[in-house]
């Protein structure tokens, strides 16, 4: 017979990837995110979970509170450091360079920089609502505000991110019906690839992180790149192509967990490409693009993927 503590531990492990992803974005540090998740477990292990109806929501609330406390404590240490006398520098915790590179790949360097400019409450409200679809009435008690005030916190954070170009939906991504093509021939690579800059370069790096996590079957890393309400749509021709290539994906997949499960178990080999000048992926056979993956972004995460084998009117450039 499974004890209550064993059941709780098993249930916690199911939510660990999501909890780690929440803490990761609030704190911007993999070691601190792991600390926050561990502290969350210690807290729930001492609590009575028998009356909890929404276990995932409860765990998300706890890890958010823990992460907010850690973020506020870190900011206080920074203030103390700025006032410290020479030679009285508090001990700091540095990230391993390899972990730092992984973090930059999965979240985006520009997004990390901008998130660091937000107040702890703004950052938490934005991360929970825009990246993990937590409603404001659940965010409000975490940041000790009313739901309306919590909405304002997220709105201020969103405006700052949008002004600095680390956010924004891509027209022509998943969910945009009737998107016009770019006037190209769709017949493969051109001779010259124009270097991407700014936000487009960040998106290209993010897509590469998505591709790497998918190839390696890294569930947590893949989940960390996706918006909670992501939608993947595949055209009929791409569905047929997938049957013969082993790349098969359903015509429509909704939600980060479902998309992660679908892509983490695939053995596929697309390559980075520009589709109508925007970063994406292409499945290439005999040197010719056969299927393209067009990405949409929101809140610094992948919010949609259109998988298309009908390349008429698309300009596809394999990078």
C-alpha atoms as a PDB file:
ATOM      1  CA  UNK A   1       0.000   0.000   0.000  1.00  0.00           C
ATOM      2  CA  UNK A   2       1.381   3.379  -1.004  1.00  0.00           C
ATOM      3  CA  UNK A   3       1.771   5.816   1.887  1.00  0.00           C
ATOM      4  CA  UNK A   4       0.557   9.404   1.652  1.00  0.00           C
ATOM      5  CA  UNK A   5       4.149  10.698   1.591  1.00  0.00           C
ATOM      6  CA  UNK A   6       5.085   8.312  -1.230  1.00  0.00           C
ATOM      7  CA  UNK A   7       2.027   9.381  -3.215  1.00  0.00           C
ATOM      8  CA  UNK A   8       2.879  13.047  -2.644  1.00  0.00           C
ATOM      9  CA  UNK A   9       6.485  12.493  -3.739  1.00  0.00           C
ATOM     10  CA  UNK A  10       5.325  10.716  -6.888  1.00  0.00           C
ATOM     11  CA  UNK A  11       2.827  13.500  -7.640  1.00  0.00           C
ATOM     12  CA  UNK A  12       5.489  16.144  -7.068  1.00  0.00           C
ATOM     13  CA  UNK A  13       7.801  14.480  -9.594  1.00  0.00           C
ATOM     14  CA  UNK A  14       5.110  14.780 -12.265  1.00  0.00           C
ATOM     15  CA  UNK A  15       5.066  18.551 -11.775  1.00  0.00           C
ATOM     16  CA  UNK A  16       8.817  18.987 -11.275  1.00  0.00           C
ATOM     17  CA  UNK A  17       9.558  20.040 -14.907  1.00  0.00           C
ATOM     18  CA  UNK A  18       6.904  22.764 -14.764  1.00  0.00           C
ATOM     19  CA  UNK A  19       7.973  23.944 -11.300  1.00  0.00           C
ATOM     20  CA  UNK A  20      11.596  24.094 -12.436  1.00  0.00           C
ATOM     21  CA  UNK A  21      10.582  26.051 -15.542  1.00  0.00           C
ATOM     22  CA  UNK A  22       8.628  28.577 -13.429  1.00  0.00           C
ATOM     23  CA  UNK A  23      11.503  29.088 -11.000  1.00  0.00           C
ATOM     24  CA  UNK A  24      13.982  29.201 -13.893  1.00  0.00           C
ATOM     25  CA  UNK A  25      12.223  32.179 -15.482  1.00  0.00           C
ATOM     26  CA  UNK A  26      11.571  34.041 -12.254  1.00  0.00           C
ATOM     27  CA  UNK A  27      15.148  33.679 -11.019  1.00  0.00           C
ATOM     28  CA  UNK A  28      17.126  33.432 -14.279  1.00  0.00           C
ATOM     29  CA  UNK A  29      19.485  30.959 -12.640  1.00  0.00           C
ATOM     30  CA  UNK A  30      19.478  27.196 -12.978  1.00  0.00           C
ATOM     31  CA  UNK A  31      21.134  26.504  -9.585  1.00  0.00           C
ATOM     32  CA  UNK A  32      18.713  28.857  -7.818  1.00  0.00           C
ATOM     33  CA  UNK A  33      15.766  27.324  -9.672  1.00  0.00           C
ATOM     34  CA  UNK A  34      16.788  23.882  -8.411  1.00  0.00           C
ATOM     35  CA  UNK A  35      17.083  25.304  -4.885  1.00  0.00           C
ATOM     36  CA  UNK A  36      13.574  26.784  -5.183  1.00  0.00           C
ATOM     37  CA  UNK A  37      12.116  23.469  -6.320  1.00  0.00           C
ATOM     38  CA  UNK A  38      13.832  21.644  -3.455  1.00  0.00           C
ATOM     39  CA  UNK A  39      12.514  24.191  -0.948  1.00  0.00           C
ATOM     40  CA  UNK A  40       9.041  23.743  -2.436  1.00  0.00           C
ATOM     41  CA  UNK A  41       9.258  20.005  -1.781  1.00  0.00           C
ATOM     42  CA  UNK A  42      10.376  20.566   1.810  1.00  0.00           C
ATOM     43  CA  UNK A  43       7.397  22.851   2.385  1.00  0.00           C
ATOM     44  CA  UNK A  44       4.766  20.537   0.931  1.00  0.00           C
ATOM     45  CA  UNK A  45       6.272  17.521   2.704  1.00  0.00           C
ATOM     46  CA  UNK A  46       5.468  19.313   5.988  1.00  0.00           C
ATOM     47  CA  UNK A  47       1.949  20.249   4.847  1.00  0.00           C
ATOM     48  CA  UNK A  48      -1.394  18.476   4.741  1.00  0.00           C
ATOM     49  CA  UNK A  49      -2.160  18.013   1.048  1.00  0.00           C
ATOM     50  CA  UNK A  50      -5.218  15.822   1.538  1.00  0.00           C
ATOM     51  CA  UNK A  51      -7.669  18.695   1.005  1.00  0.00           C
ATOM     52  CA  UNK A  52      -5.891  20.164  -2.042  1.00  0.00           C
ATOM     53  CA  UNK A  53      -8.125  19.982  -5.126  1.00  0.00           C
ATOM     54  CA  UNK A  54      -5.765  21.501  -7.705  1.00  0.00           C
ATOM     55  CA  UNK A  55      -2.374  19.988  -6.920  1.00  0.00           C
ATOM     56  CA  UNK A  56      -0.556  21.566  -9.880  1.00  0.00           C
ATOM     57  CA  UNK A  57      -1.930  25.002  -9.045  1.00  0.00           C
ATOM     58  CA  UNK A  58      -0.985  24.601  -5.384  1.00  0.00           C
ATOM     59  CA  UNK A  59       2.567  23.563  -6.238  1.00  0.00           C
ATOM     60  CA  UNK A  60       2.932  26.422  -8.721  1.00  0.00           C
ATOM     61  CA  UNK A  61       1.802  28.899  -6.064  1.00  0.00           C
ATOM     62  CA  UNK A  62       4.335  27.583  -3.557  1.00  0.00           C
ATOM     63  CA  UNK A  63       7.296  27.575  -5.959  1.00  0.00           C
ATOM     64  CA  UNK A  64       6.297  31.082  -7.061  1.00  0.00           C
ATOM     65  CA  UNK A  65       6.308  32.316  -3.444  1.00  0.00           C
ATOM     66  CA  UNK A  66       9.671  30.672  -2.806  1.00  0.00           C
ATOM     67  CA  UNK A  67      11.138  32.142  -6.002  1.00  0.00           C
ATOM     68  CA  UNK A  68       9.794  35.610  -5.204  1.00  0.00           C
ATOM     69  CA  UNK A  69      11.372  35.484  -1.734  1.00  0.00           C
ATOM     70  CA  UNK A  70      14.688  34.414  -3.246  1.00  0.00           C
ATOM     71  CA  UNK A  71      14.515  37.171  -5.871  1.00  0.00           C
ATOM     72  CA  UNK A  72      13.748  39.814  -3.248  1.00  0.00           C
ATOM     73  CA  UNK A  73      16.568  38.510  -1.062  1.00  0.00           C
ATOM     74  CA  UNK A  74      18.957  38.639  -4.023  1.00  0.00           C
ATOM     75  CA  UNK A  75      17.989  42.243  -4.765  1.00  0.00           C
ATOM     76  CA  UNK A  76      18.561  43.138  -1.108  1.00  0.00           C
ATOM     77  CA  UNK A  77      22.028  41.570  -1.266  1.00  0.00           C
ATOM     78  CA  UNK A  78      22.779  43.647  -4.360  1.00  0.00           C
ATOM     79  CA  UNK A  79      21.791  46.795  -2.480  1.00  0.00           C
ATOM     80  CA  UNK A  80      23.975  45.742   0.446  1.00  0.00           C
ATOM     81  CA  UNK A  81      26.823  45.055  -1.944  1.00  0.00           C
ATOM     82  CA  UNK A  82      26.585  48.544  -3.443  1.00  0.00           C
ATOM     83  CA  UNK A  83      26.836  50.011   0.073  1.00  0.00           C
ATOM     84  CA  UNK A  84      29.574  47.668   1.250  1.00  0.00           C
ATOM     85  CA  UNK A  85      32.942  48.970   2.301  1.00  0.00           C
ATOM     86  CA  UNK A  86      35.902  47.846   0.164  1.00  0.00           C
ATOM     87  CA  UNK A  87      37.036  44.419   1.300  1.00  0.00           C
ATOM     88  CA  UNK A  88      33.614  43.576   2.787  1.00  0.00           C
ATOM     89  CA  UNK A  89      32.105  41.967  -0.276  1.00  0.00           C
ATOM     90  CA  UNK A  90      29.425  39.369   0.525  1.00  0.00           C
ATOM     91  CA  UNK A  91      29.939  35.933  -0.921  1.00  0.00           C
ATOM     92  CA  UNK A  92      28.105  35.460  -4.231  1.00  0.00           C
ATOM     93  CA  UNK A  93      27.043  32.390  -6.128  1.00  0.00           C
ATOM     94  CA  UNK A  94      28.207  32.208  -9.723  1.00  0.00           C
ATOM     95  CA  UNK A  95      26.787  30.071 -12.501  1.00  0.00           C
ATOM     96  CA  UNK A  96      28.890  27.542 -14.326  1.00  0.00           C
ATOM     97  CA  UNK A  97      29.687  28.905 -17.843  1.00  0.00           C
ATOM     98  CA  UNK A  98      28.096  25.847 -19.488  1.00  0.00           C
ATOM     99  CA  UNK A  99      24.895  26.325 -17.498  1.00  0.00           C
ATOM    100  CA  UNK A 100      24.913  30.023 -18.386  1.00  0.00           C
ATOM    101  CA  UNK A 101      25.141  29.154 -22.085  1.00  0.00           C
ATOM    102  CA  UNK A 102      22.263  26.673 -21.789  1.00  0.00           C
ATOM    103  CA  UNK A 103      20.194  29.321 -20.031  1.00  0.00           C
ATOM    104  CA  UNK A 104      20.858  31.890 -22.735  1.00  0.00           C
ATOM    105  CA  UNK A 105      19.909  29.371 -25.431  1.00  0.00           C
ATOM    106  CA  UNK A 106      16.618  28.344 -23.847  1.00  0.00           C
ATOM    107  CA  UNK A 107      15.333  31.728 -22.696  1.00  0.00           C
ATOM    108  CA  UNK A 108      17.190  34.221 -24.868  1.00  0.00           C
ATOM    109  CA  UNK A 109      19.901  36.603 -23.736  1.00  0.00           C
ATOM    110  CA  UNK A 110      17.843  39.701 -24.503  1.00  0.00           C
ATOM    111  CA  UNK A 111      14.891  38.428 -22.489  1.00  0.00           C
ATOM    112  CA  UNK A 112      17.121  37.667 -19.504  1.00  0.00           C
ATOM    113  CA  UNK A 113      18.599  41.151 -19.574  1.00  0.00           C
ATOM    114  CA  UNK A 114      15.170  42.774 -19.695  1.00  0.00           C
ATOM    115  CA  UNK A 115      13.667  40.536 -17.014  1.00  0.00           C
ATOM    116  CA  UNK A 116      16.512  41.614 -14.740  1.00  0.00           C
ATOM    117  CA  UNK A 117      15.367  45.252 -15.098  1.00  0.00           C
ATOM    118  CA  UNK A 118      11.889  44.472 -13.711  1.00  0.00           C
ATOM    119  CA  UNK A 119      10.931  44.653 -10.070  1.00  0.00           C
ATOM    120  CA  UNK A 120      10.491  41.254  -8.383  1.00  0.00           C
ATOM    121  CA  UNK A 121       6.685  41.625  -8.341  1.00  0.00           C
ATOM    122  CA  UNK A 122       6.566  42.694 -12.008  1.00  0.00           C
ATOM    123  CA  UNK A 123       8.787  39.816 -13.039  1.00  0.00           C
ATOM    124  CA  UNK A 124       6.747  37.258 -11.143  1.00  0.00           C
ATOM    125  CA  UNK A 125       3.401  38.565 -12.444  1.00  0.00           C
ATOM    126  CA  UNK A 126       4.664  38.575 -16.031  1.00  0.00           C
ATOM    127  CA  UNK A 127       6.242  35.121 -15.837  1.00  0.00           C
ATOM    128  CA  UNK A 128       3.238  33.475 -14.185  1.00  0.00           C
ATOM    129  CA  UNK A 129       0.576  35.072 -16.367  1.00  0.00           C
ATOM    130  CA  UNK A 130       2.200  35.514 -19.769  1.00  0.00           C
ATOM    131  CA  UNK A 131       4.435  32.448 -19.753  1.00  0.00           C
ATOM    132  CA  UNK A 132       2.408  29.968 -17.681  1.00  0.00           C
ATOM    133  CA  UNK A 133      -1.191  31.230 -18.027  1.00  0.00           C
ATOM    134  CA  UNK A 134      -1.758  31.587 -14.261  1.00  0.00           C
ATOM    135  CA  UNK A 135      -4.852  33.795 -13.684  1.00  0.00           C
ATOM    136  CA  UNK A 136      -4.416  37.119 -11.886  1.00  0.00           C
ATOM    137  CA  UNK A 137      -6.693  36.133  -8.996  1.00  0.00           C
ATOM    138  CA  UNK A 138      -4.131  33.418  -8.166  1.00  0.00           C
ATOM    139  CA  UNK A 139      -1.132  35.710  -8.702  1.00  0.00           C
ATOM    140  CA  UNK A 140      -2.570  38.480  -6.517  1.00  0.00           C
ATOM    141  CA  UNK A 141      -2.032  36.872  -3.082  1.00  0.00           C
ATOM    142  CA  UNK A 142       1.503  35.809  -4.033  1.00  0.00           C
ATOM    143  CA  UNK A 143       2.544  39.426  -4.696  1.00  0.00           C
ATOM    144  CA  UNK A 144       0.292  40.821  -1.927  1.00  0.00           C
ATOM    145  CA  UNK A 145      -1.803  42.849  -4.384  1.00  0.00           C
ATOM    146  CA  UNK A 146      -5.359  42.888  -5.672  1.00  0.00           C
ATOM    147  CA  UNK A 147      -6.052  41.042  -8.948  1.00  0.00           C
ATOM    148  CA  UNK A 148      -6.335  44.414 -10.713  1.00  0.00           C
ATOM    149  CA  UNK A 149      -2.967  45.523  -9.317  1.00  0.00           C
ATOM    150  CA  UNK A 150      -1.395  42.198 -10.316  1.00  0.00           C
ATOM    151  CA  UNK A 151      -2.727  42.753 -13.837  1.00  0.00           C
ATOM    152  CA  UNK A 152      -1.058  46.169 -13.872  1.00  0.00           C
ATOM    153  CA  UNK A 153       2.256  44.653 -12.773  1.00  0.00           C
ATOM    154  CA  UNK A 154       2.206  42.218 -15.692  1.00  0.00           C
ATOM    155  CA  UNK A 155       1.076  44.948 -18.073  1.00  0.00           C
ATOM    156  CA  UNK A 156       3.974  47.233 -17.097  1.00  0.00           C
ATOM    157  CA  UNK A 157       6.433  44.377 -17.524  1.00  0.00           C
ATOM    158  CA  UNK A 158       4.939  43.473 -20.910  1.00  0.00           C
ATOM    159  CA  UNK A 159       5.192  47.051 -22.192  1.00  0.00           C
ATOM    160  CA  UNK A 160       8.830  47.295 -21.163  1.00  0.00           C
ATOM    161  CA  UNK A 161       9.671  43.998 -22.878  1.00  0.00           C
ATOM    162  CA  UNK A 162       7.809  44.994 -26.041  1.00  0.00           C
ATOM    163  CA  UNK A 163       9.563  48.384 -26.164  1.00  0.00           C
ATOM    164  CA  UNK A 164      12.939  46.652 -26.041  1.00  0.00           C
ATOM    165  CA  UNK A 165      12.075  44.124 -28.749  1.00  0.00           C
ATOM    166  CA  UNK A 166      12.468  40.863 -26.855  1.00  0.00           C
ATOM    167  CA  UNK A 167       8.805  39.955 -27.288  1.00  0.00           C
ATOM    168  CA  UNK A 168       6.059  40.035 -29.866  1.00  0.00           C
ATOM    169  CA  UNK A 169       4.035  37.657 -31.974  1.00  0.00           C
ATOM    170  CA  UNK A 170       5.316  36.887 -35.406  1.00  0.00           C
ATOM    171  CA  UNK A 171       2.845  37.441 -38.180  1.00  0.00           C
ATOM    172  CA  UNK A 172       2.659  34.395 -40.344  1.00  0.00           C
ATOM    173  CA  UNK A 173       3.224  32.008 -37.439  1.00  0.00           C
ATOM    174  CA  UNK A 174       0.992  29.300 -36.164  1.00  0.00           C
ATOM    175  CA  UNK A 175      -2.612  30.295 -35.770  1.00  0.00           C
ATOM    176  CA  UNK A 176      -2.494  33.068 -38.390  1.00  0.00           C
ATOM    177  CA  UNK A 177      -4.892  32.013 -41.080  1.00  0.00           C
ATOM    178  CA  UNK A 178      -4.545  33.142 -44.648  1.00  0.00           C
ATOM    179  CA  UNK A 179      -0.984  34.376 -44.335  1.00  0.00           C
ATOM    180  CA  UNK A 180       0.349  35.594 -47.656  1.00  0.00           C
ATOM    181  CA  UNK A 181       3.565  34.070 -48.930  1.00  0.00           C
ATOM    182  CA  UNK A 182       6.731  36.008 -49.440  1.00  0.00           C
ATOM    183  CA  UNK A 183       6.717  35.781 -53.211  1.00  0.00           C
ATOM    184  CA  UNK A 184       9.478  33.175 -53.284  1.00  0.00           C
ATOM    185  CA  UNK A 185       9.653  30.007 -55.295  1.00  0.00           C
ATOM    186  CA  UNK A 186       9.893  27.572 -52.406  1.00  0.00           C
ATOM    187  CA  UNK A 187      12.584  25.642 -54.280  1.00  0.00           C
ATOM    188  CA  UNK A 188      15.308  25.544 -51.672  1.00  0.00           C
ATOM    189  CA  UNK A 189      18.381  27.471 -50.635  1.00  0.00           C
ATOM    190  CA  UNK A 190      19.526  30.722 -52.142  1.00  0.00           C
ATOM    191  CA  UNK A 191      23.139  31.638 -52.541  1.00  0.00           C
ATOM    192  CA  UNK A 192      23.257  34.251 -49.777  1.00  0.00           C
ATOM    193  CA  UNK A 193      21.830  34.246 -46.265  1.00  0.00           C
ATOM    194  CA  UNK A 194      21.364  37.696 -44.770  1.00  0.00           C
ATOM    195  CA  UNK A 195      22.639  37.767 -41.173  1.00  0.00           C
ATOM    196  CA  UNK A 196      19.863  38.124 -38.602  1.00  0.00           C
ATOM    197  CA  UNK A 197      20.013  40.882 -36.042  1.00  0.00           C
ATOM    198  CA  UNK A 198      18.304  41.839 -32.814  1.00  0.00           C
ATOM    199  CA  UNK A 199      15.059  40.058 -31.960  1.00  0.00           C
ATOM    200  CA  UNK A 200      15.191  37.846 -35.065  1.00  0.00           C
ATOM    201  CA  UNK A 201      18.632  36.572 -34.086  1.00  0.00           C
ATOM    202  CA  UNK A 202      17.293  35.808 -30.586  1.00  0.00           C
ATOM    203  CA  UNK A 203      14.398  33.854 -32.082  1.00  0.00           C
ATOM    204  CA  UNK A 204      16.781  31.896 -34.299  1.00  0.00           C
ATOM    205  CA  UNK A 205      18.845  30.948 -31.233  1.00  0.00           C
ATOM    206  CA  UNK A 206      15.672  29.944 -29.406  1.00  0.00           C
ATOM    207  CA  UNK A 207      14.596  27.731 -32.309  1.00  0.00           C
ATOM    208  CA  UNK A 208      18.017  26.055 -32.292  1.00  0.00           C
ATOM    209  CA  UNK A 209      17.565  25.332 -28.569  1.00  0.00           C
ATOM    210  CA  UNK A 210      14.145  23.821 -29.343  1.00  0.00           C
ATOM    211  CA  UNK A 211      15.692  21.666 -32.089  1.00  0.00           C
ATOM    212  CA  UNK A 212      18.537  20.481 -29.856  1.00  0.00           C
ATOM    213  CA  UNK A 213      16.172  19.555 -27.015  1.00  0.00           C
ATOM    214  CA  UNK A 214      13.908  17.668 -29.415  1.00  0.00           C
ATOM    215  CA  UNK A 215      16.779  15.707 -30.964  1.00  0.00           C
ATOM    216  CA  UNK A 216      18.148  14.787 -27.531  1.00  0.00           C
ATOM    217  CA  UNK A 217      14.747  13.897 -26.095  1.00  0.00           C
ATOM    218  CA  UNK A 218      15.345  16.377 -23.257  1.00  0.00           C
ATOM    219  CA  UNK A 219      11.816  16.740 -21.894  1.00  0.00           C
ATOM    220  CA  UNK A 220      12.557  19.536 -19.425  1.00  0.00           C
ATOM    221  CA  UNK A 221      14.627  21.635 -21.846  1.00  0.00           C
ATOM    222  CA  UNK A 222      11.963  21.260 -24.530  1.00  0.00           C
ATOM    223  CA  UNK A 223       9.146  22.204 -22.158  1.00  0.00           C
ATOM    224  CA  UNK A 224      11.105  25.287 -21.092  1.00  0.00           C
ATOM    225  CA  UNK A 225      10.964  26.705 -24.648  1.00  0.00           C
ATOM    226  CA  UNK A 226       7.173  26.460 -25.042  1.00  0.00           C
ATOM    227  CA  UNK A 227       4.278  28.722 -24.065  1.00  0.00           C
ATOM    228  CA  UNK A 228       1.608  26.909 -22.009  1.00  0.00           C
ATOM    229  CA  UNK A 229      -1.056  27.386 -24.695  1.00  0.00           C
ATOM    230  CA  UNK A 230       1.138  26.590 -27.708  1.00  0.00           C
ATOM    231  CA  UNK A 231      -0.654  25.254 -30.790  1.00  0.00           C
ATOM    232  CA  UNK A 232       1.037  23.110 -33.459  1.00  0.00           C
ATOM    233  CA  UNK A 233      -0.762  22.779 -36.797  1.00  0.00           C
ATOM    234  CA  UNK A 234       0.285  20.475 -39.619  1.00  0.00           C
ATOM    235  CA  UNK A 235      -1.071  20.712 -43.163  1.00  0.00           C
ATOM    236  CA  UNK A 236      -2.426  17.589 -44.883  1.00  0.00           C
ATOM    237  CA  UNK A 237       0.547  17.238 -47.196  1.00  0.00           C
ATOM    238  CA  UNK A 238       2.984  17.385 -44.235  1.00  0.00           C
ATOM    239  CA  UNK A 239       0.957  14.709 -42.433  1.00  0.00           C
ATOM    240  CA  UNK A 240       1.378  12.436 -45.455  1.00  0.00           C
ATOM    241  CA  UNK A 241       5.101  13.202 -45.671  1.00  0.00           C
ATOM    242  CA  UNK A 242       5.462  12.403 -41.979  1.00  0.00           C
ATOM    243  CA  UNK A 243       4.080   8.919 -42.414  1.00  0.00           C
ATOM    244  CA  UNK A 244       6.981   8.005 -44.708  1.00  0.00           C
ATOM    245  CA  UNK A 245       9.733   9.881 -42.858  1.00  0.00           C
ATOM    246  CA  UNK A 246       8.917   8.951 -39.261  1.00  0.00           C
ATOM    247  CA  UNK A 247       8.448  12.654 -38.528  1.00  0.00           C
ATOM    248  CA  UNK A 248       4.693  12.186 -38.137  1.00  0.00           C
ATOM    249  CA  UNK A 249       2.881  14.801 -36.047  1.00  0.00           C
ATOM    250  CA  UNK A 250      -0.891  15.065 -35.595  1.00  0.00           C
ATOM    251  CA  UNK A 251      -2.793  17.692 -37.570  1.00  0.00           C
ATOM    252  CA  UNK A 252      -3.207  19.751 -34.403  1.00  0.00           C
ATOM    253  CA  UNK A 253      -1.603  19.570 -30.957  1.00  0.00           C
ATOM    254  CA  UNK A 254      -2.475  21.979 -28.129  1.00  0.00           C
ATOM    255  CA  UNK A 255      -0.689  22.703 -24.866  1.00  0.00           C
ATOM    256  CA  UNK A 256       2.965  22.653 -23.832  1.00  0.00           C
ATOM    257  CA  UNK A 257       2.823  19.212 -22.222  1.00  0.00           C
ATOM    258  CA  UNK A 258       1.260  17.559 -25.271  1.00  0.00           C
ATOM    259  CA  UNK A 259       3.640  19.298 -27.670  1.00  0.00           C
ATOM    260  CA  UNK A 260       6.626  18.319 -25.538  1.00  0.00           C
ATOM    261  CA  UNK A 261       5.551  14.676 -25.490  1.00  0.00           C
ATOM    262  CA  UNK A 262       5.089  14.724 -29.276  1.00  0.00           C
ATOM    263  CA  UNK A 263       8.411  16.326 -30.154  1.00  0.00           C
ATOM    264  CA  UNK A 264      10.587  14.767 -27.445  1.00  0.00           C
ATOM    265  CA  UNK A 265      10.037  11.277 -28.785  1.00  0.00           C
ATOM    266  CA  UNK A 266      10.723  12.053 -32.459  1.00  0.00           C
ATOM    267  CA  UNK A 267      13.852  11.014 -34.312  1.00  0.00           C
ATOM    268  CA  UNK A 268      13.964  13.808 -36.833  1.00  0.00           C
ATOM    269  CA  UNK A 269      16.580  15.911 -38.542  1.00  0.00           C
ATOM    270  CA  UNK A 270      15.378  19.302 -39.785  1.00  0.00           C
ATOM    271  CA  UNK A 271      17.900  22.100 -40.152  1.00  0.00           C
ATOM    272  CA  UNK A 272      17.786  25.841 -39.440  1.00  0.00           C
ATOM    273  CA  UNK A 273      16.274  27.844 -42.287  1.00  0.00           C
ATOM    274  CA  UNK A 274      14.774  31.188 -43.159  1.00  0.00           C
ATOM    275  CA  UNK A 275      11.155  31.061 -44.308  1.00  0.00           C
ATOM    276  CA  UNK A 276      10.158  34.325 -45.937  1.00  0.00           C
ATOM    277  CA  UNK A 277      13.108  35.894 -44.159  1.00  0.00           C
ATOM    278  CA  UNK A 278      12.104  34.680 -40.698  1.00  0.00           C
ATOM    279  CA  UNK A 279      13.953  32.021 -38.685  1.00  0.00           C
ATOM    280  CA  UNK A 280      12.487  28.532 -38.740  1.00  0.00           C
ATOM    281  CA  UNK A 281      13.358  24.938 -39.596  1.00  0.00           C
ATOM    282  CA  UNK A 282      13.242  22.882 -42.781  1.00  0.00           C
ATOM    283  CA  UNK A 283      13.204  19.144 -43.438  1.00  0.00           C
ATOM    284  CA  UNK A 284      15.500  18.619 -46.431  1.00  0.00           C
ATOM    285  CA  UNK A 285      15.637  15.560 -48.696  1.00  0.00           C
ATOM    286  CA  UNK A 286      18.086  15.203 -51.583  1.00  0.00           C
ATOM    287  CA  UNK A 287      19.129  18.804 -51.049  1.00  0.00           C
ATOM    288  CA  UNK A 288      15.588  20.162 -51.460  1.00  0.00           C
ATOM    289  CA  UNK A 289      13.358  21.507 -48.641  1.00  0.00           C
ATOM    290  CA  UNK A 290      10.281  19.286 -48.328  1.00  0.00           C
ATOM    291  CA  UNK A 291       8.682  20.523 -45.098  1.00  0.00           C
ATOM    292  CA  UNK A 292       9.061  23.798 -43.183  1.00  0.00           C
ATOM    293  CA  UNK A 293       8.401  24.679 -39.550  1.00  0.00           C
ATOM    294  CA  UNK A 294       7.238  28.274 -39.031  1.00  0.00           C
ATOM    295  CA  UNK A 295       7.381  29.612 -35.468  1.00  0.00           C
ATOM    296  CA  UNK A 296       5.353  32.211 -33.593  1.00  0.00           C
ATOM    297  CA  UNK A 297       6.488  33.738 -30.291  1.00  0.00           C
ATOM    298  CA  UNK A 298       4.741  35.333 -27.318  1.00  0.00           C
ATOM    299  CA  UNK A 299       6.166  36.274 -23.943  1.00  0.00           C
ATOM    300  CA  UNK A 300       9.611  35.102 -25.009  1.00  0.00           C
ATOM    301  CA  UNK A 301       8.367  31.543 -25.654  1.00  0.00           C
ATOM    302  CA  UNK A 302       7.320  29.551 -28.706  1.00  0.00           C
ATOM    303  CA  UNK A 303       3.537  30.026 -28.915  1.00  0.00           C
ATOM    304  CA  UNK A 304       2.843  28.276 -32.215  1.00  0.00           C
ATOM    305  CA  UNK A 305       4.379  26.114 -34.919  1.00  0.00           C
ATOM    306  CA  UNK A 306       2.991  25.698 -38.443  1.00  0.00           C
ATOM    307  CA  UNK A 307       4.332  22.568 -40.160  1.00  0.00           C
ATOM    308  CA  UNK A 308       3.892  22.899 -43.913  1.00  0.00           C
ATOM    309  CA  UNK A 309       4.747  20.696 -46.873  1.00  0.00           C
ATOM    310  CA  UNK A 310       2.845  22.953 -49.285  1.00  0.00           C
ATOM    311  CA  UNK A 311       5.695  25.368 -50.010  1.00  0.00           C
ATOM    312  CA  UNK A 312       4.032  27.243 -52.872  1.00  0.00           C
ATOM    313  CA  UNK A 313       4.765  30.951 -52.569  1.00  0.00           C
ATOM    314  CA  UNK A 314       7.283  30.499 -49.758  1.00  0.00           C
ATOM    315  CA  UNK A 315      10.904  31.628 -49.961  1.00  0.00           C
ATOM    316  CA  UNK A 316      12.875  28.916 -48.146  1.00  0.00           C
ATOM    317  CA  UNK A 317      16.557  29.447 -47.482  1.00  0.00           C
ATOM    318  CA  UNK A 318      18.459  26.642 -45.742  1.00  0.00           C
ATOM    319  CA  UNK A 319      21.051  28.143 -43.386  1.00  0.00           C
END
